Amino acid sequence: MTEPTPGVAAAIEGELRLLDPLVRSSAELLDQVLHPDYREVDTTGRHWDRATIIATLLSDLAPRPGQLTASRMSGVHLADELVHLTFDTEARGRRAHRSSLWRLTAAGWLLYYHQATPFDAAPEG
């Protein structure tokens, strides 16, 4: 297996940080990972911008999915300053296919766009 490019490795590291509940509950840490123009489409199809997602994650009413487990994470370096990651997550029996775009900025690799699509596990057969 070949080693990922430095950009893909940095994006994977950033994505794994975002799965950490401590990062998800810290404005300072979210600020270090989310691009100023960040956008997201969640598992319900709702669109989020950076300010709204940060405010929601920091809210006392924020959903707490518990520990998110990631699998099948892989990345492609699309351009000098752009990496695309795909992976699956599971939390409390809910699964999602995920796709993220990471952009290189003066501050490092930041999450620019994220989309999640729910899915059911394939039947055993």
PDB file of N, CA and C in Angstrom:
ATOM      1  N   MET A   1       0.844  -1.178   0.000  1.00  0.00           N
ATOM      2  CA  MET A   1       0.000   0.000   0.000  1.00  0.00           C
ATOM      3  C   MET A   1       0.890   1.242   0.000  1.00  0.00           C
ATOM      4  N   THR A   2       0.566   2.205  -0.836  1.00  0.00           N
ATOM      5  CA  THR A   2       1.374   3.411  -0.916  1.00  0.00           C
ATOM      6  C   THR A   2       0.986   4.391   0.185  1.00  0.00           C
ATOM      7  N   GLU A   3       1.949   5.166   0.601  1.00  0.00           N
ATOM      8  CA  GLU A   3       1.711   6.187   1.616  1.00  0.00           C
ATOM      9  C   GLU A   3       0.900   7.331   1.005  1.00  0.00           C
ATOM     10  N   PRO A   4      -0.006   7.923   1.789  1.00  0.00           N
ATOM     11  CA  PRO A   4      -0.771   9.061   1.262  1.00  0.00           C
ATOM     12  C   PRO A   4       0.141  10.271   1.069  1.00  0.00           C
ATOM     13  N   THR A   5      -0.271  11.164   0.181  1.00  0.00           N
ATOM     14  CA  THR A   5       0.461  12.415   0.009  1.00  0.00           C
ATOM     15  C   THR A   5       0.378  13.201   1.318  1.00  0.00           C
ATOM     16  N   PRO A   6       1.284  14.163   1.524  1.00  0.00           N
ATOM     17  CA  PRO A   6       1.196  14.964   2.751  1.00  0.00           C
ATOM     18  C   PRO A   6      -0.164  15.658   2.906  1.00  0.00           C
ATOM     19  N   GLY A   7      -0.749  16.105   1.804  1.00  0.00           N
ATOM     20  CA  GLY A   7      -2.061  16.745   1.878  1.00  0.00           C
ATOM     21  C   GLY A   7      -3.149  15.790   2.310  1.00  0.00           C
ATOM     22  N   VAL A   8      -3.151  14.584   1.753  1.00  0.00           N
ATOM     23  CA  VAL A   8      -4.138  13.583   2.142  1.00  0.00           C
ATOM     24  C   VAL A   8      -3.935  13.206   3.612  1.00  0.00           C
ATOM     25  N   ALA A   9      -2.700  13.028   4.028  1.00  0.00           N
ATOM     26  CA  ALA A   9      -2.419  12.690   5.426  1.00  0.00           C
ATOM     27  C   ALA A   9      -2.915  13.793   6.367  1.00  0.00           C
ATOM     28  N   ALA A  10      -2.701  15.052   5.996  1.00  0.00           N
ATOM     29  CA  ALA A  10      -3.155  16.171   6.825  1.00  0.00           C
ATOM     30  C   ALA A  10      -4.683  16.226   6.875  1.00  0.00           C
ATOM     31  N   ALA A  11      -5.339  15.967   5.756  1.00  0.00           N
ATOM     32  CA  ALA A  11      -6.803  15.973   5.723  1.00  0.00           C
ATOM     33  C   ALA A  11      -7.357  14.841   6.591  1.00  0.00           C
ATOM     34  N   ILE A  12      -6.767  13.669   6.502  1.00  0.00           N
ATOM     35  CA  ILE A  12      -7.209  12.546   7.342  1.00  0.00           C
ATOM     36  C   ILE A  12      -7.034  12.886   8.817  1.00  0.00           C
ATOM     37  N   GLU A  13      -5.890  13.456   9.158  1.00  0.00           N
ATOM     38  CA  GLU A  13      -5.650  13.854  10.547  1.00  0.00           C
ATOM     39  C   GLU A  13      -6.708  14.863  11.011  1.00  0.00           C
ATOM     40  N   GLY A  14      -7.014  15.839  10.157  1.00  0.00           N
ATOM     41  CA  GLY A  14      -8.031  16.830  10.500  1.00  0.00           C
ATOM     42  C   GLY A  14      -9.409  16.215  10.655  1.00  0.00           C
ATOM     43  N   GLU A  15      -9.737  15.300   9.758  1.00  0.00           N
ATOM     44  CA  GLU A  15     -11.045  14.645   9.819  1.00  0.00           C
ATOM     45  C   GLU A  15     -11.165  13.827  11.105  1.00  0.00           C
ATOM     46  N   LEU A  16     -10.119  13.129  11.465  1.00  0.00           N
ATOM     47  CA  LEU A  16     -10.141  12.352  12.702  1.00  0.00           C
ATOM     48  C   LEU A  16     -10.259  13.259  13.923  1.00  0.00           C
ATOM     49  N   ARG A  17      -9.641  14.432  13.874  1.00  0.00           N
ATOM     50  CA  ARG A  17      -9.792  15.403  14.970  1.00  0.00           C
ATOM     51  C   ARG A  17     -11.252  15.812  15.129  1.00  0.00           C
ATOM     52  N   LEU A  18     -11.931  16.009  13.991  1.00  0.00           N
ATOM     53  CA  LEU A  18     -13.325  16.438  14.046  1.00  0.00           C
ATOM     54  C   LEU A  18     -14.257  15.364  14.607  1.00  0.00           C
ATOM     55  N   LEU A  19     -13.818  14.131  14.630  1.00  0.00           N
ATOM     56  CA  LEU A  19     -14.628  13.070  15.226  1.00  0.00           C
ATOM     57  C   LEU A  19     -14.528  13.067  16.754  1.00  0.00           C
ATOM     58  N   ASP A  20     -13.565  13.780  17.288  1.00  0.00           N
ATOM     59  CA  ASP A  20     -13.328  13.843  18.727  1.00  0.00           C
ATOM     60  C   ASP A  20     -14.361  14.772  19.385  1.00  0.00           C
ATOM     61  N   PRO A  21     -15.143  14.274  20.340  1.00  0.00           N
ATOM     62  CA  PRO A  21     -16.142  15.127  21.001  1.00  0.00           C
ATOM     63  C   PRO A  21     -15.537  16.389  21.644  1.00  0.00           C
ATOM     64  N   LEU A  22     -14.289  16.334  22.087  1.00  0.00           N
ATOM     65  CA  LEU A  22     -13.660  17.527  22.670  1.00  0.00           C
ATOM     66  C   LEU A  22     -13.467  18.617  21.630  1.00  0.00           C
ATOM     67  N   VAL A  23     -13.094  18.234  20.419  1.00  0.00           N
ATOM     68  CA  VAL A  23     -12.928  19.218  19.340  1.00  0.00           C
ATOM     69  C   VAL A  23     -14.293  19.772  18.950  1.00  0.00           C
ATOM     70  N   ARG A  24     -15.285  18.906  18.851  1.00  0.00           N
ATOM     71  CA  ARG A  24     -16.625  19.303  18.439  1.00  0.00           C
ATOM     72  C   ARG A  24     -17.304  20.231  19.442  1.00  0.00           C
ATOM     73  N   SER A  25     -16.762  20.317  20.660  1.00  0.00           N
ATOM     74  CA  SER A  25     -17.363  21.175  21.685  1.00  0.00           C
ATOM     75  C   SER A  25     -16.481  22.376  22.033  1.00  0.00           C
ATOM     76  N   SER A  26     -15.504  22.690  21.185  1.00  0.00           N
ATOM     77  CA  SER A  26     -14.582  23.803  21.448  1.00  0.00           C
ATOM     78  C   SER A  26     -14.554  24.763  20.263  1.00  0.00           C
ATOM     79  N   ALA A  27     -14.979  25.999  20.499  1.00  0.00           N
ATOM     80  CA  ALA A  27     -14.949  27.008  19.434  1.00  0.00           C
ATOM     81  C   ALA A  27     -13.524  27.215  18.928  1.00  0.00           C
ATOM     82  N   GLU A  28     -12.578  27.237  19.838  1.00  0.00           N
ATOM     83  CA  GLU A  28     -11.176  27.452  19.460  1.00  0.00           C
ATOM     84  C   GLU A  28     -10.662  26.328  18.560  1.00  0.00           C
ATOM     85  N   LEU A  29     -10.967  25.082  18.914  1.00  0.00           N
ATOM     86  CA  LEU A  29     -10.486  23.954  18.114  1.00  0.00           C
ATOM     87  C   LEU A  29     -11.226  23.854  16.785  1.00  0.00           C
ATOM     88  N   LEU A  30     -12.528  24.135  16.777  1.00  0.00           N
ATOM     89  CA  LEU A  30     -13.272  24.145  15.512  1.00  0.00           C
ATOM     90  C   LEU A  30     -12.732  25.229  14.585  1.00  0.00           C
ATOM     91  N   ASP A  31     -12.380  26.362  15.159  1.00  0.00           N
ATOM     92  CA  ASP A  31     -11.829  27.467  14.383  1.00  0.00           C
ATOM     93  C   ASP A  31     -10.527  27.074  13.690  1.00  0.00           C
ATOM     94  N   GLN A  32      -9.775  26.164  14.291  1.00  0.00           N
ATOM     95  CA  GLN A  32      -8.503  25.712  13.725  1.00  0.00           C
ATOM     96  C   GLN A  32      -8.682  24.708  12.585  1.00  0.00           C
ATOM     97  N   VAL A  33      -9.889  24.163  12.433  1.00  0.00           N
ATOM     98  CA  VAL A  33     -10.111  23.087  11.466  1.00  0.00           C
ATOM     99  C   VAL A  33     -11.062  23.491  10.338  1.00  0.00           C
ATOM    100  N   LEU A  34     -12.000  24.389  10.597  1.00  0.00           N
ATOM    101  CA  LEU A  34     -13.003  24.744   9.592  1.00  0.00           C
ATOM    102  C   LEU A  34     -12.588  25.974   8.789  1.00  0.00           C
ATOM    103  N   HIS A  35     -12.664  25.867   7.483  1.00  0.00           N
ATOM    104  CA  HIS A  35     -12.355  26.956   6.554  1.00  0.00           C
ATOM    105  C   HIS A  35     -13.353  28.107   6.766  1.00  0.00           C
ATOM    106  N   PRO A  36     -12.946  29.353   6.567  1.00  0.00           N
ATOM    107  CA  PRO A  36     -13.887  30.477   6.719  1.00  0.00           C
ATOM    108  C   PRO A  36     -15.139  30.353   5.828  1.00  0.00           C
ATOM    109  N   ASP A  37     -15.024  29.697   4.685  1.00  0.00           N
ATOM    110  CA  ASP A  37     -16.163  29.520   3.777  1.00  0.00           C
ATOM    111  C   ASP A  37     -16.809  28.139   3.894  1.00  0.00           C
ATOM    112  N   TYR A  38     -16.603  27.458   5.024  1.00  0.00           N
ATOM    113  CA  TYR A  38     -17.104  26.104   5.229  1.00  0.00           C
ATOM    114  C   TYR A  38     -18.606  26.001   4.979  1.00  0.00           C
ATOM    115  N   ARG A  39     -18.993  24.905   4.319  1.00  0.00           N
ATOM    116  CA  ARG A  39     -20.395  24.556   4.085  1.00  0.00           C
ATOM    117  C   ARG A  39     -20.562  23.063   4.327  1.00  0.00           C
ATOM    118  N   GLU A  40     -21.772  22.662   4.737  1.00  0.00           N
ATOM    119  CA  GLU A  40     -22.059  21.255   4.999  1.00  0.00           C
ATOM    120  C   GLU A  40     -23.486  20.934   4.587  1.00  0.00           C
ATOM    121  N   VAL A  41     -23.683  19.705   4.117  1.00  0.00           N
ATOM    122  CA  VAL A  41     -25.010  19.131   3.936  1.00  0.00           C
ATOM    123  C   VAL A  41     -25.040  17.893   4.829  1.00  0.00           C
ATOM    124  N   ASP A  42     -25.946  17.911   5.833  1.00  0.00           N
ATOM    125  CA  ASP A  42     -25.949  16.816   6.807  1.00  0.00           C
ATOM    126  C   ASP A  42     -26.804  15.641   6.337  1.00  0.00           C
ATOM    127  N   THR A  43     -26.945  14.640   7.201  1.00  0.00           N
ATOM    128  CA  THR A  43     -27.648  13.413   6.830  1.00  0.00           C
ATOM    129  C   THR A  43     -29.140  13.621   6.580  1.00  0.00           C
ATOM    130  N   THR A  44     -29.674  14.768   6.994  1.00  0.00           N
ATOM    131  CA  THR A  44     -31.086  15.060   6.728  1.00  0.00           C
ATOM    132  C   THR A  44     -31.270  15.900   5.467  1.00  0.00           C
ATOM    133  N   GLY A  45     -30.153  16.322   4.871  1.00  0.00           N
ATOM    134  CA  GLY A  45     -30.223  17.198   3.701  1.00  0.00           C
ATOM    135  C   GLY A  45     -30.167  18.675   4.045  1.00  0.00           C
ATOM    136  N   ARG A  46     -30.068  18.986   5.330  1.00  0.00           N
ATOM    137  CA  ARG A  46     -29.999  20.379   5.755  1.00  0.00           C
ATOM    138  C   ARG A  46     -28.646  20.981   5.404  1.00  0.00           C
ATOM    139  N   HIS A  47     -28.660  22.253   4.959  1.00  0.00           N
ATOM    140  CA  HIS A  47     -27.436  22.994   4.620  1.00  0.00           C
ATOM    141  C   HIS A  47     -27.002  23.824   5.825  1.00  0.00           C
ATOM    142  N   TRP A  48     -25.684  23.832   6.070  1.00  0.00           N
ATOM    143  CA  TRP A  48     -25.103  24.570   7.179  1.00  0.00           C
ATOM    144  C   TRP A  48     -23.970  25.445   6.664  1.00  0.00           C
ATOM    145  N   ASP A  49     -23.790  26.606   7.301  1.00  0.00           N
ATOM    146  CA  ASP A  49     -22.579  27.390   7.057  1.00  0.00           C
ATOM    147  C   ASP A  49     -21.713  27.302   8.316  1.00  0.00           C
ATOM    148  N   ARG A  50     -20.540  27.879   8.239  1.00  0.00           N
ATOM    149  CA  ARG A  50     -19.569  27.755   9.334  1.00  0.00           C
ATOM    150  C   ARG A  50     -20.101  28.285  10.658  1.00  0.00           C
ATOM    151  N   ALA A  51     -20.626  29.501  10.639  1.00  0.00           N
ATOM    152  CA  ALA A  51     -21.096  30.119  11.880  1.00  0.00           C
ATOM    153  C   ALA A  51     -22.227  29.313  12.514  1.00  0.00           C
ATOM    154  N   THR A  52     -23.141  28.838  11.694  1.00  0.00           N
ATOM    155  CA  THR A  52     -24.287  28.091  12.211  1.00  0.00           C
ATOM    156  C   THR A  52     -23.868  26.742  12.768  1.00  0.00           C
ATOM    157  N   ILE A  53     -22.980  26.052  12.090  1.00  0.00           N
ATOM    158  CA  ILE A  53     -22.562  24.735  12.586  1.00  0.00           C
ATOM    159  C   ILE A  53     -21.781  24.873  13.892  1.00  0.00           C
ATOM    160  N   ILE A  54     -20.926  25.889  13.990  1.00  0.00           N
ATOM    161  CA  ILE A  54     -20.182  26.091  15.235  1.00  0.00           C
ATOM    162  C   ILE A  54     -21.140  26.434  16.373  1.00  0.00           C
ATOM    163  N   ALA A  55     -22.072  27.361  16.133  1.00  0.00           N
ATOM    164  CA  ALA A  55     -23.033  27.733  17.178  1.00  0.00           C
ATOM    165  C   ALA A  55     -23.861  26.529  17.611  1.00  0.00           C
ATOM    166  N   THR A  56     -24.257  25.710  16.664  1.00  0.00           N
ATOM    167  CA  THR A  56     -25.063  24.533  16.984  1.00  0.00           C
ATOM    168  C   THR A  56     -24.258  23.525  17.791  1.00  0.00           C
ATOM    169  N   LEU A  57     -23.024  23.257  17.378  1.00  0.00           N
ATOM    170  CA  LEU A  57     -22.197  22.296  18.100  1.00  0.00           C
ATOM    171  C   LEU A  57     -21.894  22.746  19.528  1.00  0.00           C
ATOM    172  N   LEU A  58     -21.802  24.056  19.740  1.00  0.00           N
ATOM    173  CA  LEU A  58     -21.484  24.590  21.066  1.00  0.00           C
ATOM    174  C   LEU A  58     -22.716  24.766  21.953  1.00  0.00           C
ATOM    175  N   SER A  59     -23.884  24.665  21.377  1.00  0.00           N
ATOM    176  CA  SER A  59     -25.132  24.857  22.106  1.00  0.00           C
ATOM    177  C   SER A  59     -25.364  23.730  23.105  1.00  0.00           C
ATOM    178  N   ASP A  60     -26.003  24.078  24.205  1.00  0.00           N
ATOM    179  CA  ASP A  60     -26.388  23.065  25.185  1.00  0.00           C
ATOM    180  C   ASP A  60     -27.400  22.087  24.598  1.00  0.00           C
ATOM    181  N   LEU A  61     -28.075  22.493  23.537  1.00  0.00           N
ATOM    182  CA  LEU A  61     -29.082  21.653  22.898  1.00  0.00           C
ATOM    183  C   LEU A  61     -28.509  20.834  21.738  1.00  0.00           C
ATOM    184  N   ALA A  62     -27.199  20.923  21.529  1.00  0.00           N
ATOM    185  CA  ALA A  62     -26.574  20.209  20.406  1.00  0.00           C
ATOM    186  C   ALA A  62     -26.754  18.713  20.560  1.00  0.00           C
ATOM    187  N   PRO A  63     -27.063  18.030  19.437  1.00  0.00           N
ATOM    188  CA  PRO A  63     -27.130  16.570  19.517  1.00  0.00           C
ATOM    189  C   PRO A  63     -25.759  16.006  19.871  1.00  0.00           C
ATOM    190  N   ARG A  64     -25.725  15.027  20.715  1.00  0.00           N
ATOM    191  CA  ARG A  64     -24.472  14.381  21.122  1.00  0.00           C
ATOM    192  C   ARG A  64     -24.515  12.937  20.632  1.00  0.00           C
ATOM    193  N   PRO A  65     -23.940  12.689  19.435  1.00  0.00           N
ATOM    194  CA  PRO A  65     -24.045  11.343  18.869  1.00  0.00           C
ATOM    195  C   PRO A  65     -23.214  10.304  19.609  1.00  0.00           C
ATOM    196  N   GLY A  66     -22.396  10.739  20.554  1.00  0.00           N
ATOM    197  CA  GLY A  66     -21.505   9.798  21.212  1.00  0.00           C
ATOM    198  C   GLY A  66     -20.274   9.579  20.342  1.00  0.00           C
ATOM    199  N   GLN A  67     -19.596   8.497  20.589  1.00  0.00           N
ATOM    200  CA  GLN A  67     -18.377   8.191  19.853  1.00  0.00           C
ATOM    201  C   GLN A  67     -18.696   7.850  18.403  1.00  0.00           C
ATOM    202  N   LEU A  68     -18.082   8.570  17.485  1.00  0.00           N
ATOM    203  CA  LEU A  68     -18.197   8.277  16.056  1.00  0.00           C
ATOM    204  C   LEU A  68     -17.038   7.376  15.657  1.00  0.00           C
ATOM    205  N   THR A  69     -17.345   6.304  14.973  1.00  0.00           N
ATOM    206  CA  THR A  69     -16.321   5.394  14.481  1.00  0.00           C
ATOM    207  C   THR A  69     -16.210   5.555  12.974  1.00  0.00           C
ATOM    208  N   ALA A  70     -15.017   5.800  12.484  1.00  0.00           N
ATOM    209  CA  ALA A  70     -14.790   5.968  11.044  1.00  0.00           C
ATOM    210  C   ALA A  70     -14.174   4.711  10.459  1.00  0.00           C
ATOM    211  N   SER A  71     -14.548   4.423   9.221  1.00  0.00           N
ATOM    212  CA  SER A  71     -13.962   3.292   8.502  1.00  0.00           C
ATOM    213  C   SER A  71     -13.839   3.641   7.028  1.00  0.00           C
ATOM    214  N   ARG A  72     -13.037   2.862   6.346  1.00  0.00           N
ATOM    215  CA  ARG A  72     -12.844   2.982   4.890  1.00  0.00           C
ATOM    216  C   ARG A  72     -12.435   4.392   4.462  1.00  0.00           C
ATOM    217  N   MET A  73     -11.631   5.078   5.273  1.00  0.00           N
ATOM    218  CA  MET A  73     -11.218   6.439   4.937  1.00  0.00           C
ATOM    219  C   MET A  73     -10.132   6.402   3.883  1.00  0.00           C
ATOM    220  N   SER A  74     -10.348   7.161   2.817  1.00  0.00           N
ATOM    221  CA  SER A  74      -9.334   7.267   1.770  1.00  0.00           C
ATOM    222  C   SER A  74      -9.409   8.664   1.170  1.00  0.00           C
ATOM    223  N   GLY A  75      -8.316   9.059   0.554  1.00  0.00           N
ATOM    224  CA  GLY A  75      -8.259  10.395  -0.002  1.00  0.00           C
ATOM    225  C   GLY A  75      -7.558  10.454  -1.330  1.00  0.00           C
ATOM    226  N   VAL A  76      -7.873  11.512  -2.063  1.00  0.00           N
ATOM    227  CA  VAL A  76      -7.265  11.781  -3.363  1.00  0.00           C
ATOM    228  C   VAL A  76      -6.844  13.240  -3.379  1.00  0.00           C
ATOM    229  N   HIS A  77      -5.622  13.467  -3.789  1.00  0.00           N
ATOM    230  CA  HIS A  77      -5.111  14.832  -3.932  1.00  0.00           C
ATOM    231  C   HIS A  77      -5.556  15.330  -5.303  1.00  0.00           C
ATOM    232  N   LEU A  78      -6.594  16.161  -5.357  1.00  0.00           N
ATOM    233  CA  LEU A  78      -7.174  16.612  -6.624  1.00  0.00           C
ATOM    234  C   LEU A  78      -6.365  17.715  -7.293  1.00  0.00           C
ATOM    235  N   ALA A  79      -5.759  18.568  -6.493  1.00  0.00           N
ATOM    236  CA  ALA A  79      -4.955  19.690  -6.987  1.00  0.00           C
ATOM    237  C   ALA A  79      -3.987  20.068  -5.872  1.00  0.00           C
ATOM    238  N   ASP A  80      -3.056  20.963  -6.166  1.00  0.00           N
ATOM    239  CA  ASP A  80      -2.058  21.342  -5.164  1.00  0.00           C
ATOM    240  C   ASP A  80      -2.682  21.736  -3.831  1.00  0.00           C
ATOM    241  N   GLU A  81      -3.824  22.403  -3.879  1.00  0.00           N
ATOM    242  CA  GLU A  81      -4.427  22.935  -2.667  1.00  0.00           C
ATOM    243  C   GLU A  81      -5.783  22.312  -2.351  1.00  0.00           C
ATOM    244  N   LEU A  82      -6.069  21.095  -2.878  1.00  0.00           N
ATOM    245  CA  LEU A  82      -7.385  20.493  -2.685  1.00  0.00           C
ATOM    246  C   LEU A  82      -7.291  18.975  -2.537  1.00  0.00           C
ATOM    247  N   VAL A  83      -7.876  18.459  -1.450  1.00  0.00           N
ATOM    248  CA  VAL A  83      -7.923  17.022  -1.172  1.00  0.00           C
ATOM    249  C   VAL A  83      -9.375  16.612  -0.976  1.00  0.00           C
ATOM    250  N   HIS A  84      -9.731  15.455  -1.535  1.00  0.00           N
ATOM    251  CA  HIS A  84     -11.070  14.888  -1.363  1.00  0.00           C
ATOM    252  C   HIS A  84     -10.953  13.613  -0.530  1.00  0.00           C
ATOM    253  N   LEU A  85     -11.697  13.565   0.586  1.00  0.00           N
ATOM    254  CA  LEU A  85     -11.740  12.370   1.426  1.00  0.00           C
ATOM    255  C   LEU A  85     -13.117  11.734   1.336  1.00  0.00           C
ATOM    256  N   THR A  86     -13.147  10.407   1.389  1.00  0.00           N
ATOM    257  CA  THR A  86     -14.394   9.671   1.541  1.00  0.00           C
ATOM    258  C   THR A  86     -14.214   8.670   2.670  1.00  0.00           C
ATOM    259  N   PHE A  87     -15.285   8.438   3.421  1.00  0.00           N
ATOM    260  CA  PHE A  87     -15.237   7.486   4.521  1.00  0.00           C
ATOM    261  C   PHE A  87     -16.654   7.226   5.007  1.00  0.00           C
ATOM    262  N   ASP A  88     -16.789   6.241   5.877  1.00  0.00           N
ATOM    263  CA  ASP A  88     -18.066   5.924   6.506  1.00  0.00           C
ATOM    264  C   ASP A  88     -17.935   6.162   7.999  1.00  0.00           C
ATOM    265  N   THR A  89     -19.061   6.520   8.630  1.00  0.00           N
ATOM    266  CA  THR A  89     -19.081   6.633  10.086  1.00  0.00           C
ATOM    267  C   THR A  89     -20.255   5.841  10.644  1.00  0.00           C
ATOM    268  N   GLU A  90     -20.107   5.495  11.925  1.00  0.00           N
ATOM    269  CA  GLU A  90     -21.198   4.853  12.642  1.00  0.00           C
ATOM    270  C   GLU A  90     -21.219   5.400  14.067  1.00  0.00           C
ATOM    271  N   ALA A  91     -22.405   5.712  14.542  1.00  0.00           N
ATOM    272  CA  ALA A  91     -22.608   6.153  15.922  1.00  0.00           C
ATOM    273  C   ALA A  91     -23.995   5.708  16.337  1.00  0.00           C
ATOM    274  N   ARG A  92     -24.041   4.959  17.411  1.00  0.00           N
ATOM    275  CA  ARG A  92     -25.319   4.472  17.950  1.00  0.00           C
ATOM    276  C   ARG A  92     -26.165   3.763  16.893  1.00  0.00           C
ATOM    277  N   GLY A  93     -25.505   2.972  16.058  1.00  0.00           N
ATOM    278  CA  GLY A  93     -26.203   2.199  15.043  1.00  0.00           C
ATOM    279  C   GLY A  93     -26.587   2.958  13.785  1.00  0.00           C
ATOM    280  N   ARG A  94     -26.296   4.251  13.732  1.00  0.00           N
ATOM    281  CA  ARG A  94     -26.599   5.063  12.540  1.00  0.00           C
ATOM    282  C   ARG A  94     -25.335   5.176  11.706  1.00  0.00           C
ATOM    283  N   ARG A  95     -25.454   4.883  10.427  1.00  0.00           N
ATOM    284  CA  ARG A  95     -24.304   4.908   9.518  1.00  0.00           C
ATOM    285  C   ARG A  95     -24.467   6.005   8.466  1.00  0.00           C
ATOM    286  N   ALA A  96     -23.315   6.527   8.024  1.00  0.00           N
ATOM    287  CA  ALA A  96     -23.343   7.540   6.963  1.00  0.00           C
ATOM    288  C   ALA A  96     -22.111   7.402   6.088  1.00  0.00           C
ATOM    289  N   HIS A  97     -22.321   7.544   4.767  1.00  0.00           N
ATOM    290  CA  HIS A  97     -21.212   7.718   3.833  1.00  0.00           C
ATOM    291  C   HIS A  97     -20.873   9.207   3.898  1.00  0.00           C
ATOM    292  N   ARG A  98     -19.584   9.521   3.930  1.00  0.00           N
ATOM    293  CA  ARG A  98     -19.176  10.924   4.063  1.00  0.00           C
ATOM    294  C   ARG A  98     -18.157  11.305   2.991  1.00  0.00           C
ATOM    295  N   SER A  99     -18.236  12.556   2.601  1.00  0.00           N
ATOM    296  CA  SER A  99     -17.341  13.103   1.583  1.00  0.00           C
ATOM    297  C   SER A  99     -16.927  14.502   2.034  1.00  0.00           C
ATOM    298  N   SER A 100     -15.621  14.776   2.015  1.00  0.00           N
ATOM    299  CA  SER A 100     -15.103  16.064   2.471  1.00  0.00           C
ATOM    300  C   SER A 100     -14.089  16.624   1.499  1.00  0.00           C
ATOM    301  N   LEU A 101     -14.111  17.935   1.360  1.00  0.00           N
ATOM    302  CA  LEU A 101     -13.083  18.644   0.597  1.00  0.00           C
ATOM    303  C   LEU A 101     -12.263  19.480   1.568  1.00  0.00           C
ATOM    304  N   TRP A 102     -10.948  19.324   1.497  1.00  0.00           N
ATOM    305  CA  TRP A 102     -10.012  20.052   2.344  1.00  0.00           C
ATOM    306  C   TRP A 102      -9.178  20.967   1.471  1.00  0.00           C
ATOM    307  N   ARG A 103      -9.040  22.239   1.890  1.00  0.00           N
ATOM    308  CA  ARG A 103      -8.264  23.230   1.129  1.00  0.00           C
ATOM    309  C   ARG A 103      -7.045  23.670   1.923  1.00  0.00           C
ATOM    310  N   LEU A 104      -5.942  23.808   1.209  1.00  0.00           N
ATOM    311  CA  LEU A 104      -4.714  24.313   1.829  1.00  0.00           C
ATOM    312  C   LEU A 104      -4.780  25.829   1.883  1.00  0.00           C
ATOM    313  N   THR A 105      -4.568  26.380   3.082  1.00  0.00           N
ATOM    314  CA  THR A 105      -4.584  27.821   3.301  1.00  0.00           C
ATOM    315  C   THR A 105      -3.282  28.207   3.998  1.00  0.00           C
ATOM    316  N   ALA A 106      -3.112  29.476   4.250  1.00  0.00           N
ATOM    317  CA  ALA A 106      -1.939  29.935   5.001  1.00  0.00           C
ATOM    318  C   ALA A 106      -1.922  29.327   6.402  1.00  0.00           C
ATOM    319  N   ALA A 107      -3.101  28.968   6.931  1.00  0.00           N
ATOM    320  CA  ALA A 107      -3.200  28.365   8.262  1.00  0.00           C
ATOM    321  C   ALA A 107      -3.055  26.846   8.222  1.00  0.00           C
ATOM    322  N   GLY A 108      -2.906  26.271   7.038  1.00  0.00           N
ATOM    323  CA  GLY A 108      -2.809  24.822   6.897  1.00  0.00           C
ATOM    324  C   GLY A 108      -4.033  24.264   6.193  1.00  0.00           C
ATOM    325  N   TRP A 109      -4.230  22.953   6.294  1.00  0.00           N
ATOM    326  CA  TRP A 109      -5.351  22.289   5.648  1.00  0.00           C
ATOM    327  C   TRP A 109      -6.618  22.491   6.478  1.00  0.00           C
ATOM    328  N   LEU A 110      -7.667  23.059   5.854  1.00  0.00           N
ATOM    329  CA  LEU A 110      -8.927  23.327   6.538  1.00  0.00           C
ATOM    330  C   LEU A 110     -10.075  22.661   5.788  1.00  0.00           C
ATOM    331  N   LEU A 111     -11.065  22.212   6.538  1.00  0.00           N
ATOM    332  CA  LEU A 111     -12.243  21.585   5.955  1.00  0.00           C
ATOM    333  C   LEU A 111     -13.092  22.650   5.279  1.00  0.00           C
ATOM    334  N   TYR A 112     -13.292  22.494   3.979  1.00  0.00           N
ATOM    335  CA  TYR A 112     -14.012  23.465   3.159  1.00  0.00           C
ATOM    336  C   TYR A 112     -15.465  23.051   2.927  1.00  0.00           C
ATOM    337  N   TYR A 113     -15.696  21.741   2.716  1.00  0.00           N
ATOM    338  CA  TYR A 113     -17.040  21.252   2.416  1.00  0.00           C
ATOM    339  C   TYR A 113     -17.187  19.826   2.936  1.00  0.00           C
ATOM    340  N   HIS A 114     -18.373  19.516   3.450  1.00  0.00           N
ATOM    341  CA  HIS A 114     -18.634  18.168   3.960  1.00  0.00           C
ATOM    342  C   HIS A 114     -20.070  17.780   3.641  1.00  0.00           C
ATOM    343  N   GLN A 115     -20.255  16.526   3.231  1.00  0.00           N
ATOM    344  CA  GLN A 115     -21.594  16.011   2.992  1.00  0.00           C
ATOM    345  C   GLN A 115     -21.701  14.605   3.551  1.00  0.00           C
ATOM    346  N   ALA A 116     -22.854  14.301   4.168  1.00  0.00           N
ATOM    347  CA  ALA A 116     -23.099  12.983   4.751  1.00  0.00           C
ATOM    348  C   ALA A 116     -24.410  12.428   4.207  1.00  0.00           C
ATOM    349  N   THR A 117     -24.388  11.151   3.854  1.00  0.00           N
ATOM    350  CA  THR A 117     -25.572  10.469   3.343  1.00  0.00           C
ATOM    351  C   THR A 117     -25.804   9.219   4.182  1.00  0.00           C
ATOM    352  N   PRO A 118     -26.973   9.111   4.841  1.00  0.00           N
ATOM    353  CA  PRO A 118     -27.217   7.927   5.658  1.00  0.00           C
ATOM    354  C   PRO A 118     -27.356   6.676   4.793  1.00  0.00           C
ATOM    355  N   PHE A 119     -27.010   5.524   5.374  1.00  0.00           N
ATOM    356  CA  PHE A 119     -27.208   4.258   4.684  1.00  0.00           C
ATOM    357  C   PHE A 119     -27.433   3.146   5.681  1.00  0.00           C
ATOM    358  N   ASP A 120     -28.117   2.119   5.224  1.00  0.00           N
ATOM    359  CA  ASP A 120     -28.312   0.906   6.026  1.00  0.00           C
ATOM    360  C   ASP A 120     -27.233  -0.085   5.639  1.00  0.00           C
ATOM    361  N   ALA A 121     -26.832  -0.885   6.599  1.00  0.00           N
ATOM    362  CA  ALA A 121     -25.825  -1.916   6.319  1.00  0.00           C
ATOM    363  C   ALA A 121     -26.392  -2.907   5.306  1.00  0.00           C
ATOM    364  N   ALA A 122     -25.539  -3.394   4.425  1.00  0.00           N
ATOM    365  CA  ALA A 122     -25.959  -4.401   3.467  1.00  0.00           C
ATOM    366  C   ALA A 122     -26.352  -5.675   4.204  1.00  0.00           C
ATOM    367  N   PRO A 123     -27.420  -6.312   3.770  1.00  0.00           N
ATOM    368  CA  PRO A 123     -27.807  -7.550   4.439  1.00  0.00           C
ATOM    369  C   PRO A 123     -26.731  -8.619   4.298  1.00  0.00           C
ATOM    370  N   GLU A 124     -26.554  -9.359   5.382  1.00  0.00           N
ATOM    371  CA  GLU A 124     -25.595 -10.478   5.344  1.00  0.00           C
ATOM    372  C   GLU A 124     -26.135 -11.515   4.379  1.00  0.00           C
ATOM    373  N   GLY A 125     -25.257 -12.064   3.577  1.00  0.00           N
ATOM    374  CA  GLY A 125     -25.796 -13.026   2.627  1.00  0.00           C
ATOM    375  C   GLY A 125     -24.809 -13.955   2.184  1.00  0.00           C
TER     376      GLY A 125
END
